[in-house]
Amino acid sequence: MASHPNTAAILVARLSELDSRAARIEADLAEPLSADFEEQATEREDDESLAQQQALLATEIAAVKAALARIDEGSYGECVRCGNPVGKKRLVAFPEAALCIDCAREVEAH
């Protein structure tokens, strides 16, 4: 299935947004801890949350990059697991989708 002409632009914009968010998180994590011990405890908790967000963003960034690669390869819209169409509605809602709904459900079940 060929991608809609705007799909690549949508994915590139999404990638830019995700990269910006990741850079802000990285900058926050690079800030030195406060000299105050009580404040350090709060900062460490915040850093844990930021690290989790950073991991989620890394996963999203990888999914968007993979979708852009599938567009370049001409395989965008094909399930990477079974080869069936991902489905137009799914791609509109989730342009970086790599799996058809059946395969996605099966993966989530395990």
C-alpha atoms as a PDB file:
ATOM      1  CA  MET A   1       0.000   0.000   0.000  1.00  0.00           C
ATOM      2  CA  ALA A   2       1.424   3.352  -0.961  1.00  0.00           C
ATOM      3  CA  SER A   3       1.502   6.006   1.724  1.00  0.00           C
ATOM      4  CA  HIS A   4      -0.564   9.155   1.504  1.00  0.00           C
ATOM      5  CA  PRO A   5       1.606  12.047   0.257  1.00  0.00           C
ATOM      6  CA  ASN A   6       1.284  13.826   3.610  1.00  0.00           C
ATOM      7  CA  THR A   7       2.244  10.782   5.679  1.00  0.00           C
ATOM      8  CA  ALA A   8       5.987  11.396   5.427  1.00  0.00           C
ATOM      9  CA  ALA A   9       5.515  15.063   6.350  1.00  0.00           C
ATOM     10  CA  ILE A  10       3.361  14.093   9.325  1.00  0.00           C
ATOM     11  CA  LEU A  11       5.961  11.580  10.475  1.00  0.00           C
ATOM     12  CA  VAL A  12       8.833  14.050  10.017  1.00  0.00           C
ATOM     13  CA  ALA A  13       6.943  16.656  12.062  1.00  0.00           C
ATOM     14  CA  ARG A  14       6.237  14.049  14.755  1.00  0.00           C
ATOM     15  CA  LEU A  15       9.909  13.052  14.793  1.00  0.00           C
ATOM     16  CA  SER A  16      10.938  16.687  15.217  1.00  0.00           C
ATOM     17  CA  GLU A  17       8.511  17.093  18.126  1.00  0.00           C
ATOM     18  CA  LEU A  18       9.758  13.901  19.790  1.00  0.00           C
ATOM     19  CA  ASP A  19      13.402  14.904  19.295  1.00  0.00           C
ATOM     20  CA  SER A  20      12.706  18.290  20.922  1.00  0.00           C
ATOM     21  CA  ARG A  21      11.027  16.654  23.900  1.00  0.00           C
ATOM     22  CA  ALA A  22      13.903  14.178  24.231  1.00  0.00           C
ATOM     23  CA  ALA A  23      16.448  17.021  24.145  1.00  0.00           C
ATOM     24  CA  ARG A  24      14.586  18.891  26.909  1.00  0.00           C
ATOM     25  CA  ILE A  25      14.515  15.760  29.062  1.00  0.00           C
ATOM     26  CA  GLU A  26      18.204  15.117  28.420  1.00  0.00           C
ATOM     27  CA  ALA A  27      19.006  18.700  29.451  1.00  0.00           C
ATOM     28  CA  ASP A  28      16.922  18.328  32.624  1.00  0.00           C
ATOM     29  CA  LEU A  29      18.686  15.083  33.493  1.00  0.00           C
ATOM     30  CA  ALA A  30      22.102  16.705  32.960  1.00  0.00           C
ATOM     31  CA  GLU A  31      21.438  19.423  35.548  1.00  0.00           C
ATOM     32  CA  PRO A  32      23.536  18.975  38.698  1.00  0.00           C
ATOM     33  CA  LEU A  33      21.808  17.975  41.920  1.00  0.00           C
ATOM     34  CA  SER A  34      21.088  20.567  44.575  1.00  0.00           C
ATOM     35  CA  ALA A  35      23.414  20.874  47.552  1.00  0.00           C
ATOM     36  CA  ASP A  36      20.384  20.473  49.846  1.00  0.00           C
ATOM     37  CA  PHE A  37      19.904  16.777  50.732  1.00  0.00           C
ATOM     38  CA  GLU A  38      16.104  17.010  50.986  1.00  0.00           C
ATOM     39  CA  GLU A  39      15.958  18.729  47.615  1.00  0.00           C
ATOM     40  CA  GLN A  40      18.224  16.019  46.176  1.00  0.00           C
ATOM     41  CA  ALA A  41      15.696  13.338  47.130  1.00  0.00           C
ATOM     42  CA  THR A  42      12.974  15.166  45.205  1.00  0.00           C
ATOM     43  CA  GLU A  43      15.288  15.739  42.255  1.00  0.00           C
ATOM     44  CA  ARG A  44      16.203  12.044  42.150  1.00  0.00           C
ATOM     45  CA  GLU A  45      12.518  11.082  42.070  1.00  0.00           C
ATOM     46  CA  ASP A  46      11.981  13.584  39.255  1.00  0.00           C
ATOM     47  CA  ASP A  47      14.984  12.157  37.426  1.00  0.00           C
ATOM     48  CA  GLU A  48      13.511   8.642  37.657  1.00  0.00           C
ATOM     49  CA  SER A  49      10.301   9.886  36.073  1.00  0.00           C
ATOM     50  CA  LEU A  50      12.244  11.739  33.382  1.00  0.00           C
ATOM     51  CA  ALA A  51      14.314   8.629  32.641  1.00  0.00           C
ATOM     52  CA  GLN A  52      11.114   6.632  32.143  1.00  0.00           C
ATOM     53  CA  GLN A  53       9.762   9.323  29.830  1.00  0.00           C
ATOM     54  CA  GLN A  54      13.071   9.310  27.962  1.00  0.00           C
ATOM     55  CA  ALA A  55      12.805   5.543  27.414  1.00  0.00           C
ATOM     56  CA  LEU A  56       9.239   5.882  26.075  1.00  0.00           C
ATOM     57  CA  LEU A  57      10.320   8.687  23.760  1.00  0.00           C
ATOM     58  CA  ALA A  58      13.204   6.575  22.463  1.00  0.00           C
ATOM     59  CA  THR A  59      10.714   3.834  21.577  1.00  0.00           C
ATOM     60  CA  GLU A  60       8.420   6.316  19.819  1.00  0.00           C
ATOM     61  CA  ILE A  61      11.331   7.869  17.928  1.00  0.00           C
ATOM     62  CA  ALA A  62      12.459   4.434  16.741  1.00  0.00           C
ATOM     63  CA  ALA A  63       8.909   3.612  15.562  1.00  0.00           C
ATOM     64  CA  VAL A  64       8.642   6.853  13.590  1.00  0.00           C
ATOM     65  CA  LYS A  65      12.082   6.360  12.009  1.00  0.00           C
ATOM     66  CA  ALA A  66      11.129   2.799  11.073  1.00  0.00           C
ATOM     67  CA  ALA A  67       7.899   4.044   9.465  1.00  0.00           C
ATOM     68  CA  LEU A  68       9.858   6.588   7.424  1.00  0.00           C
ATOM     69  CA  ALA A  69      12.227   3.813   6.334  1.00  0.00           C
ATOM     70  CA  ARG A  70       9.236   1.679   5.255  1.00  0.00           C
ATOM     71  CA  ILE A  71       7.976   4.616   3.173  1.00  0.00           C
ATOM     72  CA  ASP A  72      11.394   4.857   1.485  1.00  0.00           C
ATOM     73  CA  GLU A  73      11.436   1.086   0.888  1.00  0.00           C
ATOM     74  CA  GLY A  74       7.895   1.042  -0.468  1.00  0.00           C
ATOM     75  CA  SER A  75       6.628  -1.333   2.210  1.00  0.00           C
ATOM     76  CA  TYR A  76       4.723   1.241   4.276  1.00  0.00           C
ATOM     77  CA  GLY A  77       1.267  -0.004   5.171  1.00  0.00           C
ATOM     78  CA  GLU A  78       2.250  -3.684   5.121  1.00  0.00           C
ATOM     79  CA  CYS A  79       2.370  -5.519   8.433  1.00  0.00           C
ATOM     80  CA  VAL A  80       6.013  -6.264   9.230  1.00  0.00           C
ATOM     81  CA  ARG A  81       4.945  -9.507  10.888  1.00  0.00           C
ATOM     82  CA  CYS A  82       2.467 -11.141   8.472  1.00  0.00           C
ATOM     83  CA  GLY A  83       2.629  -8.957   5.358  1.00  0.00           C
ATOM     84  CA  ASN A  84      -1.094  -8.155   5.325  1.00  0.00           C
ATOM     85  CA  PRO A  85      -2.274  -4.547   5.019  1.00  0.00           C
ATOM     86  CA  VAL A  86      -2.081  -2.576   8.261  1.00  0.00           C
ATOM     87  CA  GLY A  87      -5.328  -0.811   7.389  1.00  0.00           C
ATOM     88  CA  LYS A  88      -6.007   2.780   6.377  1.00  0.00           C
ATOM     89  CA  LYS A  89      -7.932   3.687   9.533  1.00  0.00           C
ATOM     90  CA  ARG A  90      -5.127   2.335  11.729  1.00  0.00           C
ATOM     91  CA  LEU A  91      -2.496   4.249   9.764  1.00  0.00           C
ATOM     92  CA  VAL A  92      -4.502   7.468   9.979  1.00  0.00           C
ATOM     93  CA  ALA A  93      -4.802   7.089  13.759  1.00  0.00           C
ATOM     94  CA  PHE A  94      -1.280   5.727  14.240  1.00  0.00           C
ATOM     95  CA  PRO A  95       0.904   6.575  11.204  1.00  0.00           C
ATOM     96  CA  GLU A  96       3.929   4.745  12.581  1.00  0.00           C
ATOM     97  CA  ALA A  97       2.003   1.473  12.976  1.00  0.00           C
ATOM     98  CA  ALA A  98       4.091  -1.475  11.844  1.00  0.00           C
ATOM     99  CA  LEU A  99       1.577  -4.217  12.647  1.00  0.00           C
ATOM    100  CA  CYS A 100      -1.924  -4.961  11.446  1.00  0.00           C
ATOM    101  CA  ILE A 101      -4.526  -4.969  14.199  1.00  0.00           C
ATOM    102  CA  ASP A 102      -4.550  -8.776  14.459  1.00  0.00           C
ATOM    103  CA  CYS A 103      -0.776  -9.003  14.904  1.00  0.00           C
ATOM    104  CA  ALA A 104      -0.782  -6.043  17.305  1.00  0.00           C
ATOM    105  CA  ARG A 105      -3.391  -7.754  19.478  1.00  0.00           C
ATOM    106  CA  GLU A 106      -1.441 -11.000  19.409  1.00  0.00           C
ATOM    107  CA  VAL A 107       1.785  -9.242  20.422  1.00  0.00           C
ATOM    108  CA  GLU A 108       0.025  -7.371  23.235  1.00  0.00           C
ATOM    109  CA  ALA A 109      -1.479 -10.631  24.533  1.00  0.00           C
ATOM    110  CA  HIS A 110       1.978 -12.115  25.095  1.00  0.00           C
END
